[in-house]
C-alpha atoms as a PDB file:
ATOM      1  CA  MET A   1     -59.442  24.643  46.317  1.00  0.00           C
ATOM      2  CA  ILE A   2     -63.127  23.675  46.176  1.00  0.00           C
ATOM      3  CA  ARG A   3     -62.646  21.346  49.166  1.00  0.00           C
ATOM      4  CA  LEU A   4     -61.234  24.221  51.191  1.00  0.00           C
ATOM      5  CA  LEU A   5     -64.196  26.460  50.303  1.00  0.00           C
ATOM      6  CA  LEU A   6     -66.658  23.678  51.190  1.00  0.00           C
ATOM      7  CA  LEU A   7     -64.859  23.084  54.482  1.00  0.00           C
ATOM      8  CA  ILE A   8     -65.008  26.798  55.341  1.00  0.00           C
ATOM      9  CA  LEU A   9     -68.676  26.974  54.335  1.00  0.00           C
ATOM     10  CA  SER A  10     -69.639  23.912  56.375  1.00  0.00           C
ATOM     11  CA  GLY A  11     -67.688  25.273  59.360  1.00  0.00           C
ATOM     12  CA  PHE A  12     -69.600  28.536  59.114  1.00  0.00           C
ATOM     13  CA  VAL A  13     -72.942  26.707  58.900  1.00  0.00           C
ATOM     14  CA  ILE A  14     -72.109  24.576  61.945  1.00  0.00           C
ATOM     15  CA  TYR A  15     -70.985  27.661  63.870  1.00  0.00           C
ATOM     16  CA  SER A  16     -74.212  29.495  62.972  1.00  0.00           C
ATOM     17  CA  VAL A  17     -76.414  26.586  64.059  1.00  0.00           C
ATOM     18  CA  VAL A  18     -74.591  26.089  67.372  1.00  0.00           C
ATOM     19  CA  SER A  19     -74.575  29.833  68.040  1.00  0.00           C
ATOM     20  CA  GLY A  20     -78.311  30.063  67.342  1.00  0.00           C
ATOM     21  CA  ILE A  21     -79.081  27.176  69.677  1.00  0.00           C
ATOM     22  CA  LEU A  22     -76.978  28.651  72.481  1.00  0.00           C
ATOM     23  CA  ASN A  23     -78.583  32.083  72.058  1.00  0.00           C
ATOM     24  CA  SER A  24     -82.082  30.616  72.234  1.00  0.00           C
ATOM     25  CA  ILE A  25     -81.191  28.682  75.394  1.00  0.00           C
ATOM     26  CA  LYS A  26     -79.667  31.805  76.920  1.00  0.00           C
ATOM     27  CA  SER A  27     -82.751  33.906  76.142  1.00  0.00           C
ATOM     28  CA  GLN A  28     -85.037  31.327  77.783  1.00  0.00           C
ATOM     29  CA  ARG A  29     -83.221  31.507  81.121  1.00  0.00           C
ATOM     30  CA  PRO A  30     -84.851  33.851  83.627  1.00  0.00           C
ATOM     31  CA  GLU A  31     -82.813  36.960  84.089  1.00  0.00           C
ATOM     32  CA  SER A  32     -81.844  38.409  87.402  1.00  0.00           C
ATOM     33  CA  GLN A  33     -84.817  39.800  89.233  1.00  0.00           C
ATOM     34  CA  SER A  34     -83.151  43.121  89.787  1.00  0.00           C
ATOM     35  CA  ASN A  35     -84.039  45.352  86.876  1.00  0.00           C
ATOM     36  CA  GLU A  36     -82.073  48.400  85.917  1.00  0.00           C
ATOM     37  CA  GLY A  37     -83.747  51.498  87.324  1.00  0.00           C
ATOM     38  CA  GLU A  38     -85.678  49.544  89.958  1.00  0.00           C
ATOM     39  CA  PRO A  39     -86.112  51.229  93.368  1.00  0.00           C
ATOM     40  CA  MET A  40     -83.718  50.119  96.074  1.00  0.00           C
ATOM     41  CA  VAL A  41     -84.770  49.545  99.684  1.00  0.00           C
ATOM     42  CA  GLU A  42     -82.719  49.352 102.868  1.00  0.00           C
ATOM     43  CA  ASP A  43     -82.863  46.466 105.299  1.00  0.00           C
ATOM     44  CA  PRO A  44     -83.440  48.109 108.714  1.00  0.00           C
ATOM     45  CA  GLN A  45     -81.577  45.317 110.519  1.00  0.00           C
ATOM     46  CA  CYS A  46     -78.252  45.144 108.666  1.00  0.00           C
ATOM     47  CA  GLY A  47     -78.388  48.272 106.476  1.00  0.00           C
ATOM     48  CA  THR A  48     -78.014  46.381 103.193  1.00  0.00           C
ATOM     49  CA  TYR A  49     -79.579  47.968 100.108  1.00  0.00           C
ATOM     50  CA  LEU A  50     -81.306  45.654  97.668  1.00  0.00           C
ATOM     51  CA  PRO A  51     -83.776  45.877  94.757  1.00  0.00           C
ATOM     52  CA  LEU A  52     -87.402  46.047  95.861  1.00  0.00           C
ATOM     53  CA  SER A  53     -88.321  42.886  93.943  1.00  0.00           C
ATOM     54  CA  ASP A  54     -85.649  40.861  95.803  1.00  0.00           C
ATOM     55  CA  ALA A  55     -86.698  42.069  99.266  1.00  0.00           C
ATOM     56  CA  ILE A  56     -88.690  40.118 101.826  1.00  0.00           C
ATOM     57  CA  LYS A  57     -91.630  42.331 102.775  1.00  0.00           C
ATOM     58  CA  ALA A  58     -93.101  42.438 106.274  1.00  0.00           C
ATOM     59  CA  THR A  59     -95.543  44.724 108.059  1.00  0.00           C
ATOM     60  CA  ILE A  60     -94.436  45.386 111.626  1.00  0.00           C
ATOM     61  CA  HIS A  61     -96.377  47.746 113.906  1.00  0.00           C
ATOM     62  CA  GLY A  62     -98.356  48.973 110.886  1.00  0.00           C
ATOM     63  CA  ARG A  63     -95.267  49.906 108.836  1.00  0.00           C
ATOM     64  CA  GLN A  64     -93.966  48.130 105.753  1.00  0.00           C
ATOM     65  CA  HIS A  65     -90.342  46.990 106.092  1.00  0.00           C
ATOM     66  CA  TYR A  66     -88.055  45.256 103.572  1.00  0.00           C
ATOM     67  CA  PHE A  67     -85.421  42.684 104.509  1.00  0.00           C
ATOM     68  CA  CYS A  68     -82.565  41.013 102.660  1.00  0.00           C
ATOM     69  CA  SER A  69     -83.110  37.644 104.360  1.00  0.00           C
ATOM     70  CA  LYS A  70     -85.384  35.750 106.714  1.00  0.00           C
ATOM     71  CA  LYS A  71     -82.592  35.857 109.279  1.00  0.00           C
ATOM     72  CA  CYS A  72     -82.614  39.671 109.310  1.00  0.00           C
ATOM     73  CA  LEU A  73     -86.423  39.665 109.535  1.00  0.00           C
ATOM     74  CA  LYS A  74     -86.351  37.360 112.580  1.00  0.00           C
ATOM     75  CA  GLU A  75     -83.611  39.383 114.283  1.00  0.00           C
ATOM     76  CA  TYR A  76     -85.488  42.642 113.636  1.00  0.00           C
ATOM     77  CA  LYS A  77     -88.733  41.230 115.057  1.00  0.00           C
ATOM     78  CA  LYS A  78     -86.805  39.982 118.090  1.00  0.00           C
ATOM     79  CA  SER A  79     -85.239  43.418 118.654  1.00  0.00           C
ATOM     80  CA  GLN A  80     -88.640  45.134 118.362  1.00  0.00           C
ATOM     81  CA  GLU A  81     -90.143  42.941 121.109  1.00  0.00           C
ATOM     82  CA  LYS A  82     -87.800  44.357 123.750  1.00  0.00           C
END
């Protein structure tokens, strides 16, 4: 009976230690850059909405624009040259 209790207790201790280590590793990882409640912006090239912090910012003809990728930025600049 005592062996069973010691086995259960040691299992709980091992579980607690492993769980604590995993939680500390998880909390050290950078979270997604998109925060809840963050303003969304629209890519003028493809129409995709994305969080402001994830957007690629560019000033074109004196106006600030936000893009989802460098590809969309290049295509937009190309279309504005025409």
